[in-house]
Amino acid sequence: MKILVIGNGGREHTLCWKLKNDSCAPELFCAPGNAGTAELGTNIDLGVTDIADIIAWAKENRPDLTVIGPEAPLCAGLADALEAEGFRVFGPSKAAAELEGSKEFAKEIMKAAGVPTSGYAVFTDAEPACKYVREKGAPIVIKADGLAAGKGVTVAETVEQAEEAINDALGGAFGDAGSRVVIEDFLVGEEASILALIDGEHVVLLASSQDHKRAYEGDTGPNTGGMGAYSPAPIVTESVLEKVRSEVYDRTLAELKKRGITYKGVLYAGLMIHNGQPSVVEFNCRFGDPETQAVLARWDGDILPALEACVDGTLSDDLISWKADPSVCIVMSAGGYPGDYGKGEVISGIAAANEGATVFHAGTALDGDNVVTAGGRVLGITALGTDLQTAVDNAYAAVEEISWRDAFYRKDIAHRAL
């Protein structure tokens, strides 16, 4: 069986790793891939939004399934284009992916469906936006409406920070993604992530996790794509899970259906939980990163039957089971991330780290025989343990084996649970 995975981050290496270990042992291709996916299959020199070139490759090579990792190709309509040519695709349509592609659209859907979320307002001009912030006060959240690689969100602790974020976004800091801003009320509580597989009708919730978005210890500093994650998240009780299923997923999918949109693939709800009540912070229309590393490390058994069931409309809970052991993923980043950072630094110690953990590649490339840095978030070192503290210890022990110039990572991943 041939499987094409679209993407080149830690999520895609993790998906390839999990698929490679399936009992059917599929032949893997990854476009464009990274140094980690190159060890599991064949990397293809195609950009994730090069839709015409991907279609041409698919026609020549006939993959049995294409798994789309990142949000950009989903929002660009890659799933639709492949399906129009008769290919089987795991990933939502362009219309469904608008839940991530436009924060305004997601808020509109949630408001119409009665999904618990924060109050909000949308602006295209800085002056009325800043006036709104001055009236509301801080803390307050400023979001670029479109895709900004996880960096278009500012949790402003002062009105001045909020105004600066508004002027940055509307001033072009995120390109077209920031041509409008969504200003949201600040939600109190503890964050958690719930990913769900959806086949158009059925929803299967995956194991809970908690991501660490801020760059520095103590959840301080600028927002990033994610500095680490762990699974399960103790804040997500069975009662919370049931509310997430009924109040978030069921209502959202029903509202999409009203609008003629069928959702197939994975839908990730970023949540804030306060006094046992979940509220949606954001939706992502793909596996999270680094949540995928933590969650898939605990997936017990084959993943391919569940992905295919999403395509076929035959999804059921019995296709998925979980290891009891908790997991932790520590993201190692390039110096300067999430701001400017260098590339091309030689990485050492990966083989030694893999003896006690699993090293998932994100921003890496091959330079001859060397693995070098090629992105902001470079590696996701992931380990299991009999309890959370042991998983943390195992992951950090593996991190200590790896080095490159200016590498940095947070030293307090999973601190809330511990």
Protein backbone atom coordinates (compact mmCIF):
# COMPACT_ATOMS: atom_id res chain seq x y z
CA MET A 1 0.00 0.00 0.00
CA LYS A 2 1.29 3.48 -0.92
CA ILE A 3 0.64 6.44 1.38
CA LEU A 4 1.51 10.05 0.59
CA VAL A 5 1.93 12.35 3.61
CA ILE A 6 1.91 16.09 2.92
CA GLY A 7 4.11 18.26 5.14
CA ASN A 8 7.57 18.60 6.63
CA GLY A 9 7.12 19.19 10.36
CA GLY A 10 7.14 17.21 13.57
CA ARG A 11 3.50 16.26 13.04
CA GLU A 12 4.29 14.69 9.67
CA HIS A 13 7.31 12.76 10.95
CA THR A 14 5.12 11.46 13.78
CA LEU A 15 2.37 10.41 11.35
CA CYS A 16 4.94 8.67 9.14
CA TRP A 17 6.45 6.93 12.18
CA LYS A 18 3.04 5.69 13.32
CA LEU A 19 2.01 4.60 9.81
CA LYS A 20 5.35 2.83 9.24
CA ASN A 21 4.69 0.70 12.32
CA ASP A 22 1.25 -0.39 11.10
CA SER A 23 0.84 -4.12 10.51
CA CYS A 24 0.37 -3.60 6.75
CA ALA A 25 3.80 -1.88 6.55
CA PRO A 26 2.84 0.71 3.92
CA GLU A 27 5.27 2.29 1.48
CA LEU A 28 5.60 5.94 2.54
CA PHE A 29 6.19 9.12 0.57
CA CYS A 30 6.42 12.55 2.17
CA ALA A 31 6.19 15.89 0.40
CA PRO A 32 8.47 17.64 1.10
CA GLY A 33 9.44 15.79 4.29
CA ASN A 34 12.47 16.32 6.53
CA ALA A 35 15.53 14.40 7.71
CA GLY A 36 13.34 12.19 9.90
CA THR A 37 10.81 11.21 7.26
CA ALA A 38 13.71 10.37 4.91
CA GLU A 39 14.54 7.45 7.22
CA LEU A 40 11.00 6.06 6.97
CA GLY A 41 10.20 6.52 3.29
CA THR A 42 10.89 8.67 0.25
CA ASN A 43 10.91 12.45 0.44
CA ILE A 44 9.48 14.27 -2.60
CA ASP A 45 10.63 17.77 -3.47
CA LEU A 46 7.17 19.34 -3.64
CA GLY A 47 5.83 22.28 -1.66
CA VAL A 48 2.74 21.65 0.45
CA THR A 49 0.65 24.13 -1.57
CA ASP A 50 2.00 23.15 -5.00
CA ILE A 51 -1.38 21.63 -5.80
CA ALA A 52 -0.88 21.08 -9.54
CA ASP A 53 2.48 19.37 -8.97
CA ILE A 54 1.08 17.17 -6.19
CA ILE A 55 -1.80 16.13 -8.45
CA ALA A 56 0.65 15.32 -11.25
CA TRP A 57 2.78 13.20 -8.89
CA ALA A 58 -0.33 11.41 -7.60
CA LYS A 59 -1.49 10.60 -11.14
CA GLU A 60 1.88 9.08 -11.93
CA ASN A 61 2.43 7.21 -8.65
CA ARG A 62 -1.19 6.36 -7.61
CA PRO A 63 -1.08 6.58 -3.79
CA ASP A 64 -3.79 4.56 -2.04
CA LEU A 65 -4.25 7.28 0.56
CA THR A 66 -3.02 10.86 0.98
CA VAL A 67 -2.76 12.25 4.51
CA ILE A 68 -2.58 16.06 4.58
CA GLY A 69 -0.69 17.35 7.61
CA PRO A 70 -0.54 21.18 7.65
CA GLU A 71 -3.31 23.74 7.55
CA ALA A 72 -2.07 25.73 4.52
CA PRO A 73 -2.76 23.04 1.87
CA LEU A 74 -6.11 22.20 3.49
CA CYS A 75 -7.19 25.84 3.36
CA ALA A 76 -5.89 26.04 -0.22
CA GLY A 77 -8.18 23.16 -1.27
CA LEU A 78 -5.69 20.32 -1.74
CA ALA A 79 -8.15 17.71 -0.40
CA ASP A 80 -10.83 18.88 -2.84
CA ALA A 81 -8.39 18.81 -5.79
CA LEU A 82 -7.19 15.28 -5.02
CA GLU A 83 -10.71 13.96 -4.46
CA ALA A 84 -11.83 15.50 -7.77
CA GLU A 85 -9.21 13.30 -9.45
CA GLY A 86 -10.49 10.18 -7.69
CA PHE A 87 -7.90 9.92 -4.91
CA ARG A 88 -8.65 8.94 -1.32
CA VAL A 89 -7.75 11.74 1.08
CA PHE A 90 -7.60 12.08 4.85
CA GLY A 91 -8.23 15.77 5.53
CA PRO A 92 -11.16 18.21 5.41
CA SER A 93 -12.36 20.14 2.38
CA LYS A 94 -11.46 23.78 1.84
CA ALA A 95 -14.89 24.84 3.08
CA ALA A 96 -14.54 22.80 6.28
CA ALA A 97 -10.94 23.93 6.85
CA GLU A 98 -12.18 27.52 7.00
CA LEU A 99 -12.75 26.75 10.69
CA GLU A 100 -9.00 27.26 11.00
CA GLY A 101 -8.44 29.46 7.97
CA SER A 102 -10.60 32.26 9.37
CA LYS A 103 -10.99 32.92 13.08
CA GLU A 104 -13.95 35.15 12.27
CA PHE A 105 -15.69 32.26 10.47
CA ALA A 106 -14.97 29.92 13.39
CA LYS A 107 -16.43 32.43 15.85
CA GLU A 108 -19.49 32.91 13.66
CA ILE A 109 -20.07 29.13 13.54
CA MET A 110 -19.63 28.79 17.30
CA LYS A 111 -21.98 31.68 18.04
CA ALA A 112 -24.67 30.27 15.74
CA ALA A 113 -24.26 26.77 17.19
CA GLY A 114 -24.20 27.78 20.85
CA VAL A 115 -20.68 26.48 21.39
CA PRO A 116 -19.13 27.90 24.58
CA THR A 117 -16.43 30.42 23.65
CA SER A 118 -15.32 33.97 24.46
CA GLY A 119 -17.02 37.16 23.34
CA TYR A 120 -15.40 38.84 20.35
CA ALA A 121 -15.36 41.66 17.81
CA VAL A 122 -13.79 41.93 14.34
CA PHE A 123 -11.98 44.94 12.88
CA THR A 124 -10.19 45.90 9.68
CA ASP A 125 -9.04 49.36 10.85
CA ALA A 126 -6.69 50.05 13.74
CA GLU A 127 -8.41 53.14 15.18
CA PRO A 128 -11.79 51.54 16.03
CA ALA A 129 -10.00 48.36 17.15
CA CYS A 130 -7.82 50.30 19.59
CA LYS A 131 -10.86 52.23 20.82
CA TYR A 132 -12.64 48.92 21.49
CA VAL A 133 -9.65 47.64 23.46
CA ARG A 134 -9.49 50.80 25.56
CA GLU A 135 -13.16 50.38 26.40
CA LYS A 136 -12.82 46.66 27.22
CA GLY A 137 -9.51 46.87 29.11
CA ALA A 138 -6.89 44.16 29.58
CA PRO A 139 -6.08 41.30 29.63
CA ILE A 140 -7.49 40.80 26.15
CA VAL A 141 -6.59 38.60 23.16
CA ILE A 142 -5.67 39.90 19.70
CA LYS A 143 -5.70 37.42 16.79
CA ALA A 144 -4.87 37.77 13.13
CA ASP A 145 -7.91 36.39 11.32
CA GLY A 146 -6.02 34.15 8.89
CA LEU A 147 -3.22 31.58 9.03
CA ALA A 148 -0.08 32.88 10.74
CA ALA A 149 1.79 29.64 11.58
CA GLY A 150 0.71 29.76 15.22
CA LYS A 151 2.23 33.21 15.75
CA GLY A 152 -0.69 35.53 15.02
CA VAL A 153 -2.05 35.51 18.58
CA THR A 154 -1.17 37.98 21.33
CA VAL A 155 -2.47 37.58 24.86
CA ALA A 156 -2.13 41.25 25.82
CA GLU A 157 -1.72 41.92 29.52
CA THR A 158 -1.99 45.69 29.04
CA VAL A 159 -3.95 47.96 26.71
CA GLU A 160 -0.65 49.19 25.29
CA GLN A 161 0.37 45.62 24.33
CA ALA A 162 -3.02 45.11 22.71
CA GLU A 163 -2.73 48.30 20.65
CA GLU A 164 0.77 47.32 19.55
CA ALA A 165 -0.51 43.87 18.46
CA ILE A 166 -3.39 45.48 16.54
CA ASN A 167 -1.08 47.89 14.74
CA ASP A 168 1.38 45.08 13.94
CA ALA A 169 -1.30 42.81 12.47
CA LEU A 170 -3.18 45.46 10.52
CA GLY A 171 0.16 46.99 9.51
CA GLY A 172 1.16 43.85 7.59
CA ALA A 173 3.21 41.82 10.09
CA PHE A 174 1.32 38.67 9.04
CA GLY A 175 0.57 39.63 5.45
CA ASP A 176 -2.98 39.00 4.28
CA ALA A 177 -3.61 36.85 7.37
CA GLY A 178 -3.64 40.03 9.46
CA SER A 179 -5.81 42.16 7.17
CA ARG A 180 -8.49 41.84 9.84
CA VAL A 181 -8.17 41.16 13.55
CA VAL A 182 -10.43 39.25 15.89
CA ILE A 183 -10.38 40.69 19.40
CA GLU A 184 -11.53 38.23 22.04
CA ASP A 185 -12.35 38.45 25.72
CA PHE A 186 -9.70 36.85 27.92
CA LEU A 187 -10.72 33.40 29.17
CA VAL A 188 -9.72 32.27 32.65
CA GLY A 189 -8.76 28.64 33.29
CA GLU A 190 -6.35 25.93 32.24
CA GLU A 191 -5.67 25.04 28.61
CA ALA A 192 -6.16 21.61 27.11
CA SER A 193 -6.31 20.11 23.63
CA ILE A 194 -8.83 17.56 22.43
CA LEU A 195 -8.39 16.10 18.95
CA ALA A 196 -11.17 14.12 17.33
CA LEU A 197 -11.45 11.96 14.24
CA ILE A 198 -14.59 12.62 12.20
CA ASP A 199 -16.02 10.70 9.21
CA GLY A 200 -18.78 13.15 8.35
CA GLU A 201 -21.20 11.64 10.88
CA HIS A 202 -19.33 9.95 13.72
CA VAL A 203 -16.93 11.59 16.18
CA VAL A 204 -14.21 9.70 18.08
CA LEU A 205 -12.35 11.77 20.66
CA LEU A 206 -8.62 11.07 20.96
CA ALA A 207 -6.61 11.10 24.19
CA SER A 208 -6.39 14.51 25.84
CA SER A 209 -3.20 16.56 25.89
CA GLN A 210 -1.91 19.92 27.03
CA ASP A 211 0.33 22.12 24.88
CA HIS A 212 2.73 24.80 26.13
CA LYS A 213 2.39 27.74 23.72
CA ARG A 214 4.58 30.33 25.42
CA ALA A 215 8.30 30.41 24.66
CA TYR A 216 9.68 30.51 28.19
CA GLU A 217 9.35 28.78 31.55
CA GLY A 218 6.31 29.54 33.64
CA ASP A 219 4.23 30.05 30.49
CA THR A 220 5.77 33.46 29.83
CA GLY A 221 7.08 35.14 26.69
CA PRO A 222 5.67 35.26 23.17
CA ASN A 223 3.29 32.68 21.72
CA THR A 224 4.88 29.96 19.60
CA GLY A 225 3.68 27.00 17.59
CA GLY A 226 4.19 24.97 20.77
CA MET A 227 7.18 24.27 23.03
CA GLY A 228 6.06 20.90 24.34
CA ALA A 229 3.04 18.79 25.24
CA TYR A 230 1.98 15.89 27.41
CA SER A 231 -0.85 13.36 27.44
CA PRO A 232 -3.22 12.78 29.15
CA ALA A 233 -4.13 16.16 30.69
CA PRO A 234 -5.56 15.66 34.22
CA ILE A 235 -7.77 18.74 33.82
CA VAL A 236 -9.78 16.80 31.20
CA THR A 237 -12.06 14.62 33.32
CA GLU A 238 -14.75 12.29 31.96
CA SER A 239 -17.31 14.98 32.70
CA VAL A 240 -15.32 17.54 30.73
CA LEU A 241 -14.93 15.08 27.85
CA GLU A 242 -18.68 14.54 27.65
CA LYS A 243 -19.25 18.30 27.53
CA VAL A 244 -16.63 18.65 24.81
CA ARG A 245 -18.38 15.97 22.76
CA SER A 246 -21.90 17.36 23.14
CA GLU A 247 -21.36 21.11 23.44
CA VAL A 248 -18.39 21.53 21.11
CA TYR A 249 -18.19 18.78 18.49
CA ASP A 250 -21.83 17.83 18.07
CA ARG A 251 -23.00 21.45 17.89
CA THR A 252 -20.22 22.58 15.55
CA LEU A 253 -20.73 19.72 13.11
CA ALA A 254 -24.50 20.25 13.14
CA GLU A 255 -24.06 23.94 12.27
CA LEU A 256 -21.62 23.10 9.46
CA LYS A 257 -24.12 20.61 8.06
CA LYS A 258 -26.82 23.30 8.09
CA ARG A 259 -24.52 25.23 5.76
CA GLY A 260 -23.93 22.25 3.48
CA ILE A 261 -20.43 21.49 4.81
CA THR A 262 -19.48 17.89 5.65
CA TYR A 263 -16.41 17.51 7.87
CA LYS A 264 -14.06 14.56 7.39
CA GLY A 265 -10.62 14.27 8.95
CA VAL A 266 -9.28 15.45 12.29
CA LEU A 267 -10.63 18.47 14.16
CA TYR A 268 -8.66 19.85 17.07
CA ALA A 269 -10.35 21.95 19.74
CA GLY A 270 -8.04 24.16 21.76
CA LEU A 271 -9.89 24.62 25.03
CA MET A 272 -9.84 26.66 28.21
CA ILE A 273 -11.31 24.76 31.15
CA HIS A 274 -12.61 26.61 34.19
CA ASN A 275 -14.58 24.99 37.01
CA GLY A 276 -15.20 21.94 34.85
CA GLN A 277 -16.61 23.92 31.93
CA PRO A 278 -14.74 23.85 28.59
CA SER A 279 -14.73 26.87 26.28
CA VAL A 280 -13.22 26.86 22.80
CA VAL A 281 -10.17 29.07 22.30
CA GLU A 282 -9.64 27.99 18.68
CA PHE A 283 -10.22 25.22 16.16
CA ASN A 284 -7.48 23.60 14.08
CA CYS A 285 -8.40 21.40 11.14
CA ARG A 286 -5.45 19.03 11.40
CA PHE A 287 -3.36 17.17 13.95
CA GLY A 288 -1.70 19.57 16.38
CA ASP A 289 2.04 19.98 16.71
CA PRO A 290 3.42 19.04 19.27
CA GLU A 291 0.22 17.41 20.55
CA THR A 292 0.48 14.77 17.81
CA GLN A 293 3.82 13.57 19.13
CA ALA A 294 2.44 13.11 22.65
CA VAL A 295 -0.91 11.62 21.60
CA LEU A 296 0.26 9.22 18.88
CA ALA A 297 3.02 7.91 21.14
CA ARG A 298 0.17 6.54 23.29
CA TRP A 299 -1.93 5.15 20.40
CA ASP A 300 -1.95 1.37 20.87
CA GLY A 301 -2.04 -0.55 17.59
CA ASP A 302 -2.65 0.38 13.97
CA ILE A 303 -3.68 3.89 12.93
CA LEU A 304 -4.41 3.27 9.25
CA PRO A 305 -7.83 1.56 9.77
CA ALA A 306 -9.06 4.64 11.66
CA LEU A 307 -7.83 7.07 8.99
CA GLU A 308 -9.43 5.01 6.24
CA ALA A 309 -12.67 4.79 8.21
CA CYS A 310 -12.80 8.59 8.25
CA VAL A 311 -12.65 8.53 4.44
CA ASP A 312 -15.22 5.73 4.14
CA GLY A 313 -17.71 6.94 6.75
CA THR A 314 -17.25 3.84 8.93
CA LEU A 315 -15.51 5.33 11.98
CA SER A 316 -16.13 3.71 15.37
CA ASP A 317 -14.60 3.89 18.85
CA ASP A 318 -13.33 0.31 18.74
CA LEU A 319 -10.77 1.22 16.07
CA ILE A 320 -8.68 3.10 18.66
CA SER A 321 -7.15 2.11 21.99
CA TRP A 322 -4.62 3.78 24.26
CA LYS A 323 -1.58 2.80 26.26
CA ALA A 324 -1.97 3.53 29.96
CA ASP A 325 1.47 5.13 30.18
CA PRO A 326 1.53 8.94 29.93
CA SER A 327 3.76 10.67 27.38
CA VAL A 328 5.74 13.90 27.19
CA CYS A 329 7.14 15.77 24.18
CA ILE A 330 9.87 18.38 24.66
CA VAL A 331 10.42 20.73 21.71
CA MET A 332 14.00 21.76 21.05
CA SER A 333 14.16 25.02 19.11
CA ALA A 334 16.65 27.18 17.27
CA GLY A 335 18.05 30.17 19.16
CA GLY A 336 15.90 33.23 18.52
CA TYR A 337 12.66 31.36 17.87
CA PRO A 338 9.85 32.49 17.60
CA GLY A 339 11.70 35.53 16.20
CA ASP A 340 14.59 35.42 13.77
CA TYR A 341 16.76 32.31 13.92
CA GLY A 342 19.62 30.76 11.98
CA LYS A 343 19.66 27.54 10.00
CA GLY A 344 22.25 24.97 9.00
CA GLU A 345 23.60 24.09 12.47
CA VAL A 346 24.82 20.49 12.70
CA ILE A 347 22.84 18.43 15.23
CA SER A 348 24.59 15.75 17.27
CA GLY A 349 23.33 13.08 19.67
CA ILE A 350 20.10 12.00 17.98
CA ALA A 351 21.04 8.31 17.90
CA ALA A 352 21.87 8.32 21.62
CA ALA A 353 18.62 10.12 22.44
CA ASN A 354 16.61 7.55 20.47
CA GLU A 355 17.74 4.81 22.86
CA GLY A 356 15.47 6.09 25.65
CA ALA A 357 12.92 8.15 23.73
CA THR A 358 11.71 8.84 20.20
CA VAL A 359 13.16 11.86 18.42
CA PHE A 360 10.66 13.38 16.01
CA HIS A 361 12.17 15.72 13.43
CA ALA A 362 10.48 19.05 12.66
CA GLY A 363 12.76 21.75 11.28
CA THR A 364 15.57 19.52 10.02
CA ALA A 365 17.27 18.77 6.72
CA LEU A 366 20.07 16.56 5.45
CA ASP A 367 23.41 18.14 4.52
CA GLY A 368 25.50 15.27 3.25
CA ASP A 369 25.72 12.83 6.16
CA ASN A 370 24.75 15.49 8.70
CA VAL A 371 21.34 16.38 10.07
CA VAL A 372 21.11 20.17 10.31
CA THR A 373 18.62 22.69 11.61
CA ALA A 374 16.17 24.04 9.03
CA GLY A 375 13.40 25.66 11.05
CA GLY A 376 12.43 27.32 14.32
CA ARG A 377 11.12 24.24 16.11
CA VAL A 378 13.74 21.63 15.28
CA LEU A 379 13.04 18.41 17.22
CA GLY A 380 10.33 16.95 19.43
CA ILE A 381 11.83 14.50 21.93
CA THR A 382 9.02 12.23 23.12
CA ALA A 383 9.02 9.60 25.87
CA LEU A 384 6.61 7.40 27.78
CA GLY A 385 6.77 6.53 31.47
CA THR A 386 4.91 4.50 34.05
CA ASP A 387 3.79 7.85 35.48
CA LEU A 388 4.03 11.44 34.28
CA GLN A 389 7.14 12.29 36.30
CA THR A 390 8.95 9.27 34.86
CA ALA A 391 7.90 10.26 31.33
CA VAL A 392 9.20 13.80 31.97
CA ASP A 393 12.49 12.43 33.33
CA ASN A 394 12.89 10.08 30.36
CA ALA A 395 12.25 12.87 27.86
CA TYR A 396 14.66 15.33 29.46
CA ALA A 397 17.34 12.65 29.78
CA ALA A 398 17.10 12.19 26.01
CA VAL A 399 17.16 15.96 25.44
CA GLU A 400 20.48 16.11 27.29
CA GLU A 401 22.02 13.81 24.68
CA ILE A 402 21.30 16.26 21.83
CA SER A 403 23.14 19.46 21.01
CA TRP A 404 23.69 22.15 18.40
CA ARG A 405 24.77 25.76 18.63
CA ASP A 406 22.15 28.01 20.29
CA ALA A 407 19.61 25.22 20.89
CA PHE A 408 17.05 26.02 23.57
CA TYR A 409 14.03 24.37 25.17
CA ARG A 410 11.71 24.85 28.11
CA LYS A 411 12.63 22.97 31.26
CA ASP A 412 9.15 22.88 32.81
CA ILE A 413 6.98 20.95 30.34
CA ALA A 414 4.03 19.30 32.17
CA HIS A 415 4.57 21.54 35.21
CA ARG A 416 0.84 22.15 35.69
CA ALA A 417 0.05 18.47 36.02
CA LEU A 418 3.09 17.80 38.21
